Amino acid sequence: MEGWGEYAFAWAVFLLTHAIPARPALKARLTGALGRAGYGLAYSLVSVAALAWLIVAAGRAPYVEIWAWAPWQVHVTQAAMALACLIAALGLGAPNPFSFGGARNARFDPARPGIVGLTRHPVLAALALWAAGHMVPNGDLAHVLMLGGFAGFAALGMVVIDRRRQRVMGPDWHRLQPARTLLGAGNPWRWLAAGAAWWALAMLHPIVIGPAVV
């Protein structure tokens, strides 16, 4: 199975591996059998495998150009990735009761919300930036559909999680709404981690993906 057939099948597997395990009843059974950490690890491994296959399938799909490549487009991707790495570094493991990726949520201070003052969903925002930034220099149909789909998937996820968390949190949803500020996001180690992540991804890109980006 090659070309568009493999691409379509890879998309179906990617969507199913994200939709089915996340259903509340099945998730509860899997968490009971594997434990919370085991479920998280298994879900992550399956998701990464499905994502890797979809990326490979997009590269093997027939090339249908929508817009041409130009050197300036690489700089757009670099800037988007720098911002995505920063948002992810400031959000992962920081208190955030509104989305996933947070920790120690009881310590969340709406007056000093950190990156949550910019977006309640920093992980999804980073994913959307990654997808949109990479779509600019990849103007063929398969990659535009894939990367545009990822960006849309992230945006839809923000809406779905907002509705779910609003139901779960009740009055706390409004009480803990963050101030529109980045106070609490000044941890220098997180900024250094963002820079290190951006540089590591740039260095690994030609080894793992192919094209050099620096």
N, C-alpha and C. Protein backbone atom coordinates (compact mmCIF):
# COMPACT_ATOMS: atom_id res chain seq x y z
N MET A 1 0.85 -1.19 0.00
CA MET A 1 0.00 0.00 0.00
C MET A 1 0.89 1.24 0.00
N GLU A 2 0.77 2.05 -1.04
CA GLU A 2 1.62 3.22 -1.16
C GLU A 2 0.78 4.44 -1.51
N GLY A 3 1.47 5.59 -1.53
CA GLY A 3 0.85 6.82 -1.99
C GLY A 3 -0.28 7.28 -1.10
N TRP A 4 -1.39 7.70 -1.74
CA TRP A 4 -2.51 8.27 -0.99
C TRP A 4 -3.19 7.24 -0.11
N GLY A 5 -3.15 5.96 -0.51
CA GLY A 5 -3.77 4.92 0.32
C GLY A 5 -3.09 4.80 1.67
N GLU A 6 -1.77 4.74 1.68
CA GLU A 6 -1.04 4.66 2.94
C GLU A 6 -1.26 5.94 3.76
N TYR A 7 -1.26 7.08 3.09
CA TYR A 7 -1.45 8.36 3.79
C TYR A 7 -2.81 8.40 4.48
N ALA A 8 -3.86 8.00 3.76
CA ALA A 8 -5.21 8.00 4.34
C ALA A 8 -5.30 7.02 5.52
N PHE A 9 -4.69 5.84 5.36
CA PHE A 9 -4.74 4.85 6.43
C PHE A 9 -3.96 5.34 7.65
N ALA A 10 -2.81 5.99 7.43
CA ALA A 10 -2.02 6.52 8.54
C ALA A 10 -2.81 7.60 9.28
N TRP A 11 -3.55 8.43 8.56
CA TRP A 11 -4.39 9.44 9.19
C TRP A 11 -5.46 8.77 10.06
N ALA A 12 -6.09 7.71 9.52
CA ALA A 12 -7.14 7.03 10.28
C ALA A 12 -6.57 6.43 11.57
N VAL A 13 -5.40 5.81 11.48
CA VAL A 13 -4.78 5.21 12.67
C VAL A 13 -4.42 6.30 13.67
N PHE A 14 -3.87 7.40 13.18
CA PHE A 14 -3.50 8.51 14.08
C PHE A 14 -4.71 9.02 14.84
N LEU A 15 -5.82 9.24 14.15
CA LEU A 15 -7.02 9.76 14.81
C LEU A 15 -7.60 8.75 15.80
N LEU A 16 -7.61 7.47 15.40
CA LEU A 16 -8.17 6.44 16.28
C LEU A 16 -7.33 6.26 17.54
N THR A 17 -6.01 6.33 17.41
CA THR A 17 -5.15 6.13 18.57
C THR A 17 -5.26 7.29 19.56
N HIS A 18 -5.77 8.43 19.10
CA HIS A 18 -5.99 9.55 20.02
C HIS A 18 -7.41 9.56 20.56
N ALA A 19 -8.37 9.11 19.76
CA ALA A 19 -9.77 9.20 20.17
C ALA A 19 -10.21 8.04 21.06
N ILE A 20 -9.85 6.82 20.68
CA ILE A 20 -10.37 5.65 21.40
C ILE A 20 -9.81 5.53 22.81
N PRO A 21 -8.47 5.58 23.03
CA PRO A 21 -7.97 5.41 24.40
C PRO A 21 -8.39 6.52 25.35
N ALA A 22 -8.79 7.69 24.81
CA ALA A 22 -9.17 8.81 25.66
C ALA A 22 -10.64 8.77 26.09
N ARG A 23 -11.40 7.81 25.55
CA ARG A 23 -12.81 7.71 25.96
C ARG A 23 -12.87 7.34 27.44
N PRO A 24 -13.72 8.03 28.23
CA PRO A 24 -13.68 7.87 29.69
C PRO A 24 -13.75 6.42 30.18
N ALA A 25 -14.68 5.62 29.62
CA ALA A 25 -14.84 4.24 30.10
C ALA A 25 -13.60 3.41 29.81
N LEU A 26 -13.10 3.50 28.58
CA LEU A 26 -11.91 2.72 28.22
C LEU A 26 -10.68 3.24 28.96
N LYS A 27 -10.58 4.55 29.10
CA LYS A 27 -9.44 5.12 29.82
C LYS A 27 -9.42 4.64 31.27
N ALA A 28 -10.58 4.56 31.89
CA ALA A 28 -10.66 4.10 33.27
C ALA A 28 -10.20 2.64 33.38
N ARG A 29 -10.62 1.80 32.42
CA ARG A 29 -10.20 0.40 32.45
C ARG A 29 -8.70 0.26 32.22
N LEU A 30 -8.19 1.02 31.24
CA LEU A 30 -6.75 0.94 30.96
C LEU A 30 -5.92 1.47 32.12
N THR A 31 -6.40 2.55 32.74
CA THR A 31 -5.68 3.10 33.88
C THR A 31 -5.69 2.12 35.05
N GLY A 32 -6.83 1.43 35.23
CA GLY A 32 -6.91 0.43 36.29
C GLY A 32 -5.96 -0.73 36.04
N ALA A 33 -5.80 -1.11 34.77
CA ALA A 33 -4.93 -2.25 34.45
C ALA A 33 -3.45 -1.86 34.43
N LEU A 34 -3.14 -0.67 33.95
CA LEU A 34 -1.74 -0.27 33.76
C LEU A 34 -1.24 0.69 34.82
N GLY A 35 -2.16 1.29 35.58
CA GLY A 35 -1.77 2.37 36.48
C GLY A 35 -1.72 3.68 35.72
N ARG A 36 -1.79 4.80 36.45
CA ARG A 36 -1.80 6.10 35.79
C ARG A 36 -0.52 6.33 34.99
N ALA A 37 0.63 6.00 35.59
CA ALA A 37 1.91 6.20 34.89
C ALA A 37 2.02 5.26 33.69
N GLY A 38 1.57 4.00 33.87
CA GLY A 38 1.64 3.05 32.77
C GLY A 38 0.75 3.44 31.61
N TYR A 39 -0.45 3.93 31.94
CA TYR A 39 -1.35 4.40 30.88
C TYR A 39 -0.74 5.57 30.14
N GLY A 40 -0.18 6.52 30.89
CA GLY A 40 0.43 7.68 30.25
C GLY A 40 1.58 7.30 29.34
N LEU A 41 2.41 6.35 29.79
CA LEU A 41 3.54 5.91 28.97
C LEU A 41 3.06 5.19 27.73
N ALA A 42 2.10 4.26 27.89
CA ALA A 42 1.60 3.51 26.74
C ALA A 42 0.92 4.43 25.74
N TYR A 43 0.11 5.36 26.23
CA TYR A 43 -0.58 6.31 25.35
C TYR A 43 0.43 7.16 24.59
N SER A 44 1.48 7.59 25.27
CA SER A 44 2.50 8.42 24.63
C SER A 44 3.24 7.64 23.55
N LEU A 45 3.61 6.39 23.84
CA LEU A 45 4.35 5.59 22.86
C LEU A 45 3.51 5.31 21.62
N VAL A 46 2.24 4.96 21.82
CA VAL A 46 1.36 4.70 20.68
C VAL A 46 1.14 5.97 19.87
N SER A 47 0.96 7.10 20.55
CA SER A 47 0.74 8.36 19.86
C SER A 47 1.96 8.77 19.04
N VAL A 48 3.15 8.63 19.62
CA VAL A 48 4.37 9.00 18.90
C VAL A 48 4.58 8.09 17.70
N ALA A 49 4.31 6.78 17.86
CA ALA A 49 4.45 5.85 16.74
C ALA A 49 3.50 6.20 15.60
N ALA A 50 2.24 6.52 15.95
CA ALA A 50 1.26 6.90 14.92
C ALA A 50 1.65 8.20 14.25
N LEU A 51 2.16 9.16 15.03
CA LEU A 51 2.62 10.43 14.45
C LEU A 51 3.79 10.21 13.50
N ALA A 52 4.76 9.38 13.91
CA ALA A 52 5.93 9.12 13.06
C ALA A 52 5.50 8.48 11.74
N TRP A 53 4.57 7.54 11.82
CA TRP A 53 4.10 6.90 10.58
C TRP A 53 3.40 7.90 9.68
N LEU A 54 2.57 8.77 10.27
CA LEU A 54 1.86 9.76 9.46
C LEU A 54 2.84 10.70 8.76
N ILE A 55 3.88 11.12 9.47
CA ILE A 55 4.88 12.00 8.85
C ILE A 55 5.59 11.30 7.71
N VAL A 56 5.96 10.04 7.91
CA VAL A 56 6.61 9.27 6.84
C VAL A 56 5.66 9.08 5.66
N ALA A 57 4.39 8.78 5.95
CA ALA A 57 3.40 8.58 4.88
C ALA A 57 3.18 9.85 4.09
N ALA A 58 3.22 11.02 4.76
CA ALA A 58 3.06 12.30 4.06
C ALA A 58 4.23 12.50 3.09
N GLY A 59 5.43 12.09 3.49
CA GLY A 59 6.58 12.22 2.60
C GLY A 59 6.52 11.28 1.42
N ARG A 60 5.81 10.16 1.56
CA ARG A 60 5.71 9.19 0.48
C ARG A 60 4.52 9.44 -0.43
N ALA A 61 3.61 10.31 0.00
CA ALA A 61 2.43 10.59 -0.82
C ALA A 61 2.84 11.33 -2.09
N PRO A 62 2.04 11.23 -3.16
CA PRO A 62 2.35 11.96 -4.40
C PRO A 62 2.49 13.46 -4.14
N TYR A 63 3.48 14.06 -4.79
CA TYR A 63 3.76 15.48 -4.56
C TYR A 63 2.82 16.33 -5.42
N VAL A 64 1.99 17.12 -4.75
CA VAL A 64 1.08 18.05 -5.42
C VAL A 64 1.36 19.42 -4.84
N GLU A 65 1.99 20.29 -5.61
CA GLU A 65 2.40 21.58 -5.08
C GLU A 65 1.23 22.55 -4.98
N ILE A 66 1.13 23.20 -3.81
CA ILE A 66 0.14 24.26 -3.61
C ILE A 66 0.84 25.61 -3.67
N TRP A 67 1.99 25.74 -3.02
CA TRP A 67 2.83 26.92 -3.19
C TRP A 67 4.28 26.48 -3.21
N ALA A 68 5.12 27.29 -3.82
CA ALA A 68 6.53 26.94 -4.01
C ALA A 68 7.34 27.27 -2.76
N TRP A 69 8.45 26.53 -2.60
CA TRP A 69 9.35 26.78 -1.49
C TRP A 69 10.20 28.02 -1.78
N ALA A 70 10.51 28.79 -0.73
CA ALA A 70 11.39 29.95 -0.84
C ALA A 70 12.25 30.01 0.41
N PRO A 71 13.48 30.52 0.31
CA PRO A 71 14.39 30.52 1.47
C PRO A 71 13.84 31.23 2.70
N TRP A 72 13.07 32.31 2.53
CA TRP A 72 12.57 33.05 3.69
C TRP A 72 11.63 32.22 4.56
N GLN A 73 11.06 31.19 3.99
CA GLN A 73 10.10 30.39 4.75
C GLN A 73 10.75 29.65 5.92
N VAL A 74 12.03 29.33 5.78
CA VAL A 74 12.75 28.63 6.85
C VAL A 74 12.80 29.50 8.11
N HIS A 75 12.94 30.81 7.93
CA HIS A 75 13.02 31.72 9.08
C HIS A 75 11.68 31.78 9.82
N VAL A 76 10.59 31.64 9.10
CA VAL A 76 9.28 31.60 9.74
C VAL A 76 9.19 30.38 10.65
N THR A 77 9.64 29.24 10.15
CA THR A 77 9.63 28.01 10.95
C THR A 77 10.52 28.15 12.18
N GLN A 78 11.71 28.72 11.99
CA GLN A 78 12.63 28.89 13.12
C GLN A 78 12.01 29.77 14.21
N ALA A 79 11.39 30.86 13.81
CA ALA A 79 10.77 31.76 14.78
C ALA A 79 9.60 31.08 15.48
N ALA A 80 8.77 30.35 14.73
CA ALA A 80 7.64 29.65 15.32
C ALA A 80 8.11 28.59 16.31
N MET A 81 9.19 27.89 15.95
CA MET A 81 9.71 26.85 16.84
C MET A 81 10.32 27.45 18.10
N ALA A 82 10.99 28.60 17.99
CA ALA A 82 11.53 29.26 19.17
C ALA A 82 10.41 29.62 20.15
N LEU A 83 9.32 30.16 19.61
CA LEU A 83 8.19 30.53 20.47
C LEU A 83 7.51 29.29 21.03
N ALA A 84 7.38 28.24 20.21
CA ALA A 84 6.76 27.00 20.68
C ALA A 84 7.57 26.37 21.80
N CYS A 85 8.90 26.35 21.66
CA CYS A 85 9.76 25.79 22.71
C CYS A 85 9.64 26.60 23.99
N LEU A 86 9.55 27.92 23.87
CA LEU A 86 9.44 28.76 25.05
C LEU A 86 8.11 28.52 25.76
N ILE A 87 7.02 28.48 25.02
CA ILE A 87 5.70 28.25 25.62
C ILE A 87 5.65 26.89 26.30
N ALA A 88 6.20 25.86 25.62
CA ALA A 88 6.19 24.52 26.22
C ALA A 88 7.05 24.46 27.47
N ALA A 89 8.23 25.11 27.42
CA ALA A 89 9.11 25.09 28.59
C ALA A 89 8.49 25.82 29.78
N LEU A 90 7.77 26.90 29.52
CA LEU A 90 7.13 27.64 30.60
C LEU A 90 5.87 26.95 31.12
N GLY A 91 5.29 26.07 30.31
CA GLY A 91 4.03 25.45 30.69
C GLY A 91 4.15 24.06 31.29
N LEU A 92 5.07 23.24 30.78
CA LEU A 92 5.17 21.86 31.26
C LEU A 92 5.63 21.82 32.72
N GLY A 93 4.86 21.13 33.53
CA GLY A 93 5.22 20.99 34.93
C GLY A 93 4.90 22.18 35.81
N ALA A 94 4.36 23.25 35.23
CA ALA A 94 3.98 24.43 36.02
C ALA A 94 2.52 24.27 36.47
N PRO A 95 2.13 24.87 37.60
CA PRO A 95 0.74 24.76 38.04
C PRO A 95 -0.24 25.28 36.99
N ASN A 96 -1.21 24.45 36.64
CA ASN A 96 -2.20 24.82 35.64
C ASN A 96 -3.42 23.92 35.78
N PRO A 97 -4.46 24.36 36.45
CA PRO A 97 -5.64 23.51 36.64
C PRO A 97 -6.55 23.45 35.42
N PHE A 98 -6.23 24.19 34.36
CA PHE A 98 -7.14 24.31 33.23
C PHE A 98 -6.84 23.33 32.09
N SER A 99 -5.68 22.69 32.08
CA SER A 99 -5.32 21.86 30.95
C SER A 99 -4.39 20.76 31.41
N PHE A 100 -3.88 19.96 30.46
CA PHE A 100 -2.92 18.91 30.80
C PHE A 100 -1.50 19.45 30.67
N GLY A 101 -0.57 18.74 31.26
CA GLY A 101 0.82 19.17 31.22
C GLY A 101 1.25 19.92 32.46
N GLY A 102 0.28 20.27 33.33
CA GLY A 102 0.61 21.00 34.54
C GLY A 102 0.90 20.07 35.71
N ALA A 103 1.38 20.63 36.80
CA ALA A 103 1.68 19.86 38.01
C ALA A 103 1.52 20.77 39.22
N ARG A 104 1.28 20.18 40.38
CA ARG A 104 1.10 20.95 41.61
C ARG A 104 0.03 22.02 41.41
N ASN A 105 -1.10 21.60 40.85
CA ASN A 105 -2.14 22.57 40.46
C ASN A 105 -2.73 23.32 41.64
N ALA A 106 -2.67 22.73 42.83
CA ALA A 106 -3.20 23.41 44.02
C ALA A 106 -2.42 24.68 44.32
N ARG A 107 -1.22 24.81 43.78
CA ARG A 107 -0.40 26.00 44.02
C ARG A 107 -0.67 27.10 43.00
N PHE A 108 -1.59 26.87 42.08
CA PHE A 108 -1.83 27.87 41.04
C PHE A 108 -2.33 29.18 41.64
N ASP A 109 -1.70 30.27 41.25
CA ASP A 109 -2.06 31.60 41.73
C ASP A 109 -2.55 32.42 40.53
N PRO A 110 -3.85 32.73 40.45
CA PRO A 110 -4.36 33.47 39.28
C PRO A 110 -3.77 34.86 39.14
N ALA A 111 -3.19 35.42 40.23
CA ALA A 111 -2.55 36.73 40.13
C ALA A 111 -1.15 36.63 39.53
N ARG A 112 -0.53 35.46 39.62
CA ARG A 112 0.80 35.21 39.04
C ARG A 112 0.73 33.90 38.26
N PRO A 113 0.03 33.93 37.13
CA PRO A 113 -0.29 32.67 36.45
C PRO A 113 0.82 32.13 35.55
N GLY A 114 1.88 32.92 35.34
CA GLY A 114 2.90 32.47 34.40
C GLY A 114 2.36 32.42 32.98
N ILE A 115 2.73 31.39 32.24
CA ILE A 115 2.33 31.28 30.83
C ILE A 115 0.82 31.09 30.70
N VAL A 116 0.14 30.63 31.78
CA VAL A 116 -1.31 30.46 31.73
C VAL A 116 -2.01 31.81 31.57
N GLY A 117 -1.31 32.89 31.90
CA GLY A 117 -1.87 34.21 31.65
C GLY A 117 -1.93 34.56 30.18
N LEU A 118 -1.15 33.83 29.37
CA LEU A 118 -1.18 34.03 27.91
C LEU A 118 -2.10 33.02 27.24
N THR A 119 -2.02 31.76 27.68
CA THR A 119 -2.87 30.71 27.13
C THR A 119 -3.12 29.66 28.20
N ARG A 120 -4.36 29.22 28.33
CA ARG A 120 -4.67 28.18 29.31
C ARG A 120 -4.11 26.83 28.89
N HIS A 121 -3.74 26.71 27.61
CA HIS A 121 -3.31 25.41 27.08
C HIS A 121 -1.94 25.55 26.39
N PRO A 122 -0.87 25.71 27.17
CA PRO A 122 0.44 25.95 26.56
C PRO A 122 0.94 24.80 25.70
N VAL A 123 0.66 23.56 26.08
CA VAL A 123 1.13 22.43 25.28
C VAL A 123 0.45 22.43 23.91
N LEU A 124 -0.86 22.65 23.90
CA LEU A 124 -1.58 22.69 22.63
C LEU A 124 -1.19 23.91 21.81
N ALA A 125 -0.93 25.04 22.47
CA ALA A 125 -0.49 26.22 21.76
C ALA A 125 0.87 25.97 21.09
N ALA A 126 1.77 25.28 21.81
CA ALA A 126 3.07 24.94 21.23
C ALA A 126 2.91 24.01 20.04
N LEU A 127 1.99 23.05 20.15
CA LEU A 127 1.74 22.13 19.03
C LEU A 127 1.21 22.89 17.82
N ALA A 128 0.28 23.82 18.05
CA ALA A 128 -0.28 24.60 16.94
C ALA A 128 0.80 25.44 16.27
N LEU A 129 1.69 26.04 17.05
CA LEU A 129 2.79 26.82 16.48
C LEU A 129 3.74 25.93 15.68
N TRP A 130 4.06 24.76 16.24
CA TRP A 130 4.91 23.82 15.51
C TRP A 130 4.30 23.48 14.15
N ALA A 131 3.01 23.14 14.14
CA ALA A 131 2.36 22.74 12.90
C ALA A 131 2.28 23.90 11.91
N ALA A 132 1.82 25.06 12.37
CA ALA A 132 1.68 26.22 11.47
C ALA A 132 3.04 26.67 10.94
N GLY A 133 4.05 26.68 11.83
CA GLY A 133 5.37 27.09 11.39
C GLY A 133 5.97 26.16 10.36
N HIS A 134 5.73 24.87 10.48
CA HIS A 134 6.27 23.91 9.52
C HIS A 134 5.46 23.85 8.23
N MET A 135 4.23 24.32 8.27
CA MET A 135 3.42 24.30 7.05
C MET A 135 3.91 25.31 6.03
N VAL A 136 4.51 26.41 6.49
CA VAL A 136 4.93 27.47 5.58
C VAL A 136 5.94 26.97 4.53
N PRO A 137 7.01 26.24 4.92
CA PRO A 137 7.95 25.78 3.90
C PRO A 137 7.58 24.42 3.28
N ASN A 138 6.45 23.86 3.68
CA ASN A 138 6.02 22.57 3.13
C ASN A 138 4.69 22.76 2.41
N GLY A 139 4.77 23.30 1.21
CA GLY A 139 3.56 23.70 0.51
C GLY A 139 2.95 22.66 -0.39
N ASP A 140 3.28 21.37 -0.20
CA ASP A 140 2.62 20.34 -1.00
C ASP A 140 1.35 19.87 -0.28
N LEU A 141 0.45 19.26 -1.05
CA LEU A 141 -0.89 18.95 -0.54
C LEU A 141 -0.85 18.05 0.69
N ALA A 142 -0.04 16.99 0.65
CA ALA A 142 -0.03 16.04 1.77
C ALA A 142 0.41 16.71 3.07
N HIS A 143 1.46 17.54 3.00
CA HIS A 143 1.97 18.18 4.21
C HIS A 143 1.05 19.32 4.67
N VAL A 144 0.44 20.02 3.74
CA VAL A 144 -0.51 21.07 4.14
C VAL A 144 -1.70 20.46 4.87
N LEU A 145 -2.21 19.34 4.35
CA LEU A 145 -3.32 18.66 5.02
C LEU A 145 -2.90 18.15 6.39
N MET A 146 -1.70 17.57 6.48
CA MET A 146 -1.24 17.01 7.75
C MET A 146 -0.99 18.11 8.78
N LEU A 147 -0.20 19.10 8.42
CA LEU A 147 0.16 20.14 9.37
C LEU A 147 -1.02 21.05 9.69
N GLY A 148 -1.83 21.35 8.68
CA GLY A 148 -3.05 22.11 8.94
C GLY A 148 -4.00 21.33 9.85
N GLY A 149 -4.04 20.01 9.65
CA GLY A 149 -4.86 19.17 10.52
C GLY A 149 -4.37 19.18 11.95
N PHE A 150 -3.04 19.15 12.14
CA PHE A 150 -2.49 19.21 13.49
C PHE A 150 -2.84 20.53 14.17
N ALA A 151 -2.70 21.64 13.43
CA ALA A 151 -3.03 22.95 14.00
C ALA A 151 -4.50 23.02 14.37
N GLY A 152 -5.36 22.52 13.48
CA GLY A 152 -6.79 22.50 13.78
C GLY A 152 -7.12 21.58 14.94
N PHE A 153 -6.43 20.44 15.01
CA PHE A 153 -6.61 19.48 16.09
C PHE A 153 -6.28 20.14 17.43
N ALA A 154 -5.19 20.92 17.46
CA ALA A 154 -4.79 21.61 18.69
C ALA A 154 -5.81 22.67 19.07
N ALA A 155 -6.28 23.44 18.09
CA ALA A 155 -7.26 24.49 18.37
C ALA A 155 -8.57 23.89 18.88
N LEU A 156 -9.03 22.81 18.25
CA LEU A 156 -10.25 22.15 18.70
C LEU A 156 -10.06 21.57 20.10
N GLY A 157 -8.86 21.03 20.36
CA GLY A 157 -8.59 20.48 21.68
C GLY A 157 -8.73 21.51 22.78
N MET A 158 -8.33 22.75 22.50
CA MET A 158 -8.48 23.81 23.51
C MET A 158 -9.94 24.03 23.86
N VAL A 159 -10.79 24.03 22.86
CA VAL A 159 -12.23 24.24 23.10
C VAL A 159 -12.82 23.07 23.88
N VAL A 160 -12.47 21.84 23.48
CA VAL A 160 -13.01 20.65 24.14
C VAL A 160 -12.56 20.59 25.60
N ILE A 161 -11.27 20.85 25.84
CA ILE A 161 -10.76 20.79 27.21
C ILE A 161 -11.36 21.89 28.06
N ASP A 162 -11.55 23.08 27.49
CA ASP A 162 -12.19 24.17 28.23
C ASP A 162 -13.57 23.75 28.72
N ARG A 163 -14.36 23.16 27.83
CA ARG A 163 -15.71 22.76 28.21
C ARG A 163 -15.68 21.66 29.28
N ARG A 164 -14.75 20.71 29.10
CA ARG A 164 -14.66 19.61 30.06
C ARG A 164 -14.21 20.11 31.43
N ARG A 165 -13.19 20.96 31.45
CA ARG A 165 -12.69 21.45 32.72
C ARG A 165 -13.69 22.37 33.41
N GLN A 166 -14.46 23.11 32.61
CA GLN A 166 -15.48 23.99 33.20
C GLN A 166 -16.53 23.16 33.93
N ARG A 167 -16.90 22.01 33.35
CA ARG A 167 -17.87 21.13 34.02
C ARG A 167 -17.27 20.55 35.30
N VAL A 168 -16.01 20.13 35.23
CA VAL A 168 -15.39 19.47 36.37
C VAL A 168 -15.09 20.46 37.50
N MET A 169 -14.61 21.65 37.14
CA MET A 169 -14.18 22.61 38.15
C MET A 169 -15.33 23.38 38.78
N GLY A 170 -16.44 23.52 38.08
CA GLY A 170 -17.58 24.25 38.62
C GLY A 170 -17.23 25.71 38.89
N PRO A 171 -17.57 26.24 40.07
CA PRO A 171 -17.29 27.66 40.37
C PRO A 171 -15.80 28.01 40.33
N ASP A 172 -14.94 27.01 40.57
CA ASP A 172 -13.50 27.29 40.55
C ASP A 172 -13.03 27.73 39.17
N TRP A 173 -13.76 27.34 38.13
CA TRP A 173 -13.38 27.75 36.78
C TRP A 173 -13.32 29.27 36.68
N HIS A 174 -14.32 29.96 37.20
CA HIS A 174 -14.36 31.42 37.15
C HIS A 174 -13.46 32.04 38.22
N ARG A 175 -13.42 31.42 39.40
CA ARG A 175 -12.63 31.98 40.50
C ARG A 175 -11.14 31.98 40.17
N LEU A 176 -10.67 30.97 39.43
CA LEU A 176 -9.24 30.82 39.16
C LEU A 176 -8.82 31.35 37.80
N GLN A 177 -9.75 32.02 37.10
CA GLN A 177 -9.37 32.54 35.79
C GLN A 177 -8.14 33.46 35.94
N PRO A 178 -7.10 33.23 35.15
CA PRO A 178 -5.85 33.97 35.35
C PRO A 178 -5.92 35.40 34.86
N ALA A 179 -5.14 36.24 35.51
CA ALA A 179 -4.96 37.61 35.01
C ALA A 179 -4.17 37.55 33.72
N ARG A 180 -4.43 38.48 32.81
CA ARG A 180 -3.72 38.52 31.53
C ARG A 180 -2.33 39.12 31.74
N THR A 181 -1.46 38.31 32.27
CA THR A 181 -0.10 38.73 32.59
C THR A 181 0.80 37.52 32.54
N LEU A 182 2.10 37.75 32.39
CA LEU A 182 3.07 36.65 32.40
C LEU A 182 3.81 36.59 33.73
N LEU A 183 3.26 37.22 34.77
CA LEU A 183 3.90 37.15 36.08
C LEU A 183 4.00 35.70 36.53
N GLY A 184 5.15 35.33 37.03
CA GLY A 184 5.38 33.96 37.45
C GLY A 184 6.03 33.12 36.38
N ALA A 185 6.27 33.72 35.19
CA ALA A 185 6.91 32.98 34.10
C ALA A 185 8.38 33.36 33.95
N GLY A 186 8.95 33.97 34.98
CA GLY A 186 10.30 34.47 34.86
C GLY A 186 11.39 33.53 35.32
N ASN A 187 11.09 32.26 35.56
CA ASN A 187 12.10 31.30 35.98
C ASN A 187 13.19 31.18 34.90
N PRO A 188 14.43 31.61 35.20
CA PRO A 188 15.47 31.60 34.16
C PRO A 188 15.81 30.22 33.66
N TRP A 189 15.64 29.19 34.51
CA TRP A 189 15.95 27.84 34.06
C TRP A 189 15.00 27.38 32.96
N ARG A 190 13.75 27.79 33.03
CA ARG A 190 12.80 27.43 31.98
C ARG A 190 13.13 28.13 30.66
N TRP A 191 13.59 29.38 30.74
CA TRP A 191 14.00 30.08 29.54
C TRP A 191 15.25 29.43 28.93
N LEU A 192 16.18 29.02 29.79
CA LEU A 192 17.36 28.31 29.30
C LEU A 192 16.98 26.96 28.69
N ALA A 193 16.03 26.28 29.32
CA ALA A 193 15.57 25.00 28.78
C ALA A 193 14.93 25.18 27.41
N ALA A 194 14.19 26.28 27.23
CA ALA A 194 13.57 26.55 25.93
C ALA A 194 14.64 26.76 24.87
N GLY A 195 15.68 27.54 25.18
CA GLY A 195 16.75 27.76 24.22
C GLY A 195 17.49 26.47 23.90
N ALA A 196 17.74 25.66 24.92
CA ALA A 196 18.44 24.39 24.71
C ALA A 196 17.59 23.45 23.85
N ALA A 197 16.28 23.43 24.10
CA ALA A 197 15.40 22.57 23.30
C ALA A 197 15.38 23.01 21.84
N TRP A 198 15.30 24.33 21.63
CA TRP A 198 15.29 24.84 20.24
C TRP A 198 16.58 24.45 19.52
N TRP A 199 17.71 24.63 20.19
CA TRP A 199 18.99 24.31 19.57
C TRP A 199 19.12 22.81 19.31
N ALA A 200 18.71 21.98 20.27
CA ALA A 200 18.79 20.54 20.10
C ALA A 200 17.92 20.07 18.94
N LEU A 201 16.72 20.62 18.84
CA LEU A 201 15.84 20.24 17.74
C LEU A 201 16.43 20.66 16.39
N ALA A 202 17.06 21.84 16.36
CA ALA A 202 17.68 22.30 15.12
C ALA A 202 18.84 21.42 14.72
N MET A 203 19.64 20.97 15.69
CA MET A 203 20.78 20.12 15.40
C MET A 203 20.36 18.71 14.99
N LEU A 204 19.28 18.21 15.61
CA LEU A 204 18.82 16.86 15.31
C LEU A 204 18.00 16.79 14.02
N HIS A 205 17.48 17.93 13.58
CA HIS A 205 16.59 17.95 12.42
C HIS A 205 17.19 17.28 11.17
N PRO A 206 18.44 17.63 10.78
CA PRO A 206 19.00 16.98 9.58
C PRO A 206 19.28 15.49 9.79
N ILE A 207 19.46 15.07 11.03
CA ILE A 207 19.73 13.65 11.29
C ILE A 207 18.44 12.83 11.28
N VAL A 208 17.39 13.36 11.91
CA VAL A 208 16.16 12.62 12.06
C VAL A 208 15.21 12.83 10.88
N ILE A 209 15.07 14.08 10.45
CA ILE A 209 14.09 14.43 9.41
C ILE A 209 14.74 14.51 8.02
N GLY A 210 15.88 15.17 7.92
CA GLY A 210 16.55 15.31 6.61
C GLY A 210 17.09 16.69 6.36
N PRO A 211 16.23 17.66 6.05
CA PRO A 211 16.74 19.01 5.70
C PRO A 211 17.37 19.71 6.90
N ALA A 212 18.49 20.38 6.66
CA ALA A 212 19.13 21.21 7.69
C ALA A 212 18.33 22.50 7.83
N VAL A 213 18.22 23.00 9.06
CA VAL A 213 17.43 24.21 9.31
C VAL A 213 18.29 25.34 9.85
N VAL A 214 19.58 25.10 10.08
CA VAL A 214 20.49 26.15 10.54
C VAL A 214 21.62 26.26 9.53
